[in-house]
Amino acid sequence: ADVLASCTDSGSVLVWDTTTSSLTATFPRVHRSSASDVCFSPVNRNLLLSVGLDKRAVLMACQRSKVLETIHAPEALTSCSFAP
């Protein structure tokens, strides 16, 4: 399926099926303030990373709608990417 991820000012992360325009996974308020960026792993499309102004990086499993890991940074985070 073709998917798209989005993040919200309320700190939530949403995963959409672009074919049906329906939500396939939701991560409500995984950030305590605005989520600022989200990206899929280039190796495993099930893994999604988000970052936010709450100084958190959150790794999620899309198929299970589960948070796998939360990393705390010393500063607010505004962008993210996976290194190959």
Protein backbone atom coordinates (compact mmCIF):
# COMPACT_ATOMS: atom_id res chain seq x y z
CA ALA A 1 0.00 0.00 0.00
CA ASP A 2 1.07 3.57 -0.60
CA VAL A 3 1.27 5.38 2.71
CA LEU A 4 1.83 8.91 3.95
CA ALA A 5 2.72 9.99 7.47
CA SER A 6 1.79 13.30 9.06
CA CYS A 7 2.37 14.96 12.41
CA THR A 8 0.27 17.48 14.29
CA ASP A 9 0.60 20.52 16.51
CA SER A 10 -1.00 18.48 19.30
CA GLY A 11 1.90 15.96 19.16
CA SER A 12 0.12 13.14 17.34
CA VAL A 13 1.43 11.09 14.41
CA LEU A 14 -0.93 9.71 11.76
CA VAL A 15 -0.33 7.19 8.97
CA TRP A 16 -2.62 7.31 5.93
CA ASP A 17 -3.33 4.91 3.08
CA THR A 18 -3.15 7.22 0.06
CA THR A 19 -5.21 4.88 -2.11
CA THR A 20 -8.25 4.94 0.18
CA SER A 21 -7.54 8.21 2.06
CA SER A 22 -8.05 6.34 5.32
CA LEU A 23 -6.01 6.18 8.52
CA THR A 24 -4.02 2.98 8.93
CA ALA A 25 -2.23 3.85 12.20
CA THR A 26 -2.58 6.53 14.85
CA PHE A 27 -0.18 7.53 17.58
CA PRO A 28 -2.13 10.05 19.68
CA ARG A 29 -0.03 12.60 21.55
CA VAL A 30 3.28 10.72 21.42
CA HIS A 31 4.83 14.18 21.82
CA ARG A 32 4.05 16.54 24.70
CA SER A 33 4.06 19.54 22.34
CA SER A 34 4.12 20.00 18.57
CA ALA A 35 5.54 17.15 16.51
CA SER A 36 7.74 18.76 13.87
CA ASP A 37 8.83 16.00 11.44
CA VAL A 38 8.26 12.37 10.60
CA CYS A 39 10.03 9.90 8.29
CA PHE A 40 9.87 6.25 7.30
CA SER A 41 12.86 3.93 7.52
CA PRO A 42 14.26 3.26 4.03
CA VAL A 43 15.04 -0.32 5.08
CA ASN A 44 11.82 -1.25 6.92
CA ARG A 45 8.68 0.64 5.84
CA ASN A 46 7.00 -0.48 9.07
CA LEU A 47 9.32 1.75 11.13
CA LEU A 48 8.45 5.40 11.53
CA LEU A 49 10.43 8.08 13.37
CA SER A 50 9.01 11.36 14.62
CA VAL A 51 10.58 14.30 16.40
CA GLY A 52 9.13 17.24 18.23
CA LEU A 53 9.60 20.46 20.09
CA ASP A 54 9.31 18.44 23.32
CA LYS A 55 12.92 17.25 22.77
CA ARG A 56 11.80 13.69 21.94
CA ALA A 57 12.50 11.32 19.09
CA VAL A 58 9.92 8.52 18.95
CA LEU A 59 10.36 5.27 17.00
CA MET A 60 7.11 3.52 16.10
CA ALA A 61 5.93 0.30 14.43
CA CYS A 62 3.14 1.22 12.00
CA GLN A 63 1.58 -2.22 11.53
CA ARG A 64 1.06 -2.67 15.28
CA SER A 65 0.50 1.02 16.11
CA LYS A 66 3.08 0.62 18.84
CA VAL A 67 5.73 2.97 20.22
CA LEU A 68 9.02 1.06 20.27
CA GLU A 69 11.43 3.60 21.74
CA THR A 70 11.52 7.19 22.98
CA ILE A 71 14.80 9.09 23.03
CA HIS A 72 15.20 12.35 24.95
CA ALA A 73 17.41 15.04 23.41
CA PRO A 74 18.91 18.11 25.10
CA GLU A 75 17.19 20.52 22.67
CA ALA A 76 13.97 20.76 20.67
CA LEU A 77 14.05 18.62 17.51
CA THR A 78 12.79 19.99 14.20
CA SER A 79 13.77 17.42 11.57
CA CYS A 80 14.72 13.77 11.25
CA SER A 81 16.00 11.20 8.78
CA PHE A 82 17.37 7.66 8.80
CA ALA A 83 21.00 7.14 7.85
CA PRO A 84 21.53 4.21 5.47
